[in-house]
Amino acid sequence: MKKLICIVFSSLLLAACSNENSHPETANEPKAKKITVQTKAHEYNYDVVTSATTTTFGTNPEPKWTPEQKEAKMFWSVQPPTGIIKGNYYKNERQFDGGNKGILELVTDDSGKLIQVEFNELASETYYESKYANASKRLSDYAFFQATNARTDDTLVTWVNGITFLEGQMLAENRLDGNFQTVKGSSTSARNGMMPLAAEMKDWVKKPFGFYYYGIAEPLGNGLTARLQVVTENGEIISAKYDEIFADQKVEITDSALQSLYRQSKYYSLDYETMTGDDFVAFADGLEKHILQSQDLLDIPKQDLASFRNYEKVATKLSAEIDGAGT
């Protein structure tokens, strides 16, 4: 009789069920379990393993799907958790695998429980596809680049699938070290980048380091989500990052000219940068510069821009949280 194993990722509203009968593997591959991960918006089907998988990089298989068929089969989400998150902040980063840069950020509550785990990776300066050199693999169109490659025809997963799956486990199990399941076909960054960084931080989160995180993400109703993340050190603002993330489905984006940018963010999208002349990056960097000078999310020059009005909405709410913490 088949045994059913269920794992509940309550923090991300995920439910994963796996079947112990594994799929046939090659002699060099670890055995994989087929799991289904359900979210509010989508159901994922993954083969997961508990060790590294053999890379298919350098191979050039014949495509099994048309681009339209493959787009319908693949799905990943870049949406941040909505609402306000605040807690003790930790960050660890380093280069791995030929110059790719991994960045792991953690937030814990006062009891030391993980409440946010987020890994980002910047491709190396010498990345073989020059468009993505130094680009965010999470919030640019890098995952689409992976999806168009025939090497993902069997796994139907991208970098984002592998990382968000691992983040969910760390949150649900409230641990940073030991072995984890990873998505077959998307395990390299998880195992070589994220897991070593997390293991180094397992003792860090046992006590506050003096850094505190205030974050807010709020849907704007037009296929965009505004996100503002602030970090303080002993009460002083040392980082203030604002971004707007496009919806996971292009039909949710009301501006048809921007629908091709779904599952990307304005700050990190290479194509949005080309379309707008890097205006949003300059806007967001300018916001941070003023905030660091004034130490106030709202004491900044007014701008007649939709993005500035979006920023003010979330900044007003987050500023109240920061002010309340200081009283």
Foldseek 3Di string as FASTA:
>chain_A
DWDKDWAALPLQRKIKIWTPDFDDDPPQAATWIWMWIDDPVDIDIFTKDFDAGDAPPPDADDAPDDPVVLVVNAFFALDDDADKDKAFKDKDWDAWDPAKIKIWIFGAHPQLFTNFIDIWIQADCVPVPNLRHRAICQFACVQVVVSVGRLCNVGSDGLRVFVVVVRSVCNRVRAQADIDMTTPNRCCCVVTPRNVRSVVCRVVSNDGPQKMKIKHWADPQQQKIWIWIWIAGVLFTDWIFIKIAGARQLVSHNPVVCSVSHSHICCRYSVNCVVPVNVVVVVRVQQGVVCNVVVASPPDDDDPDPVSVVSCVVSVVRRVVSVVVVD
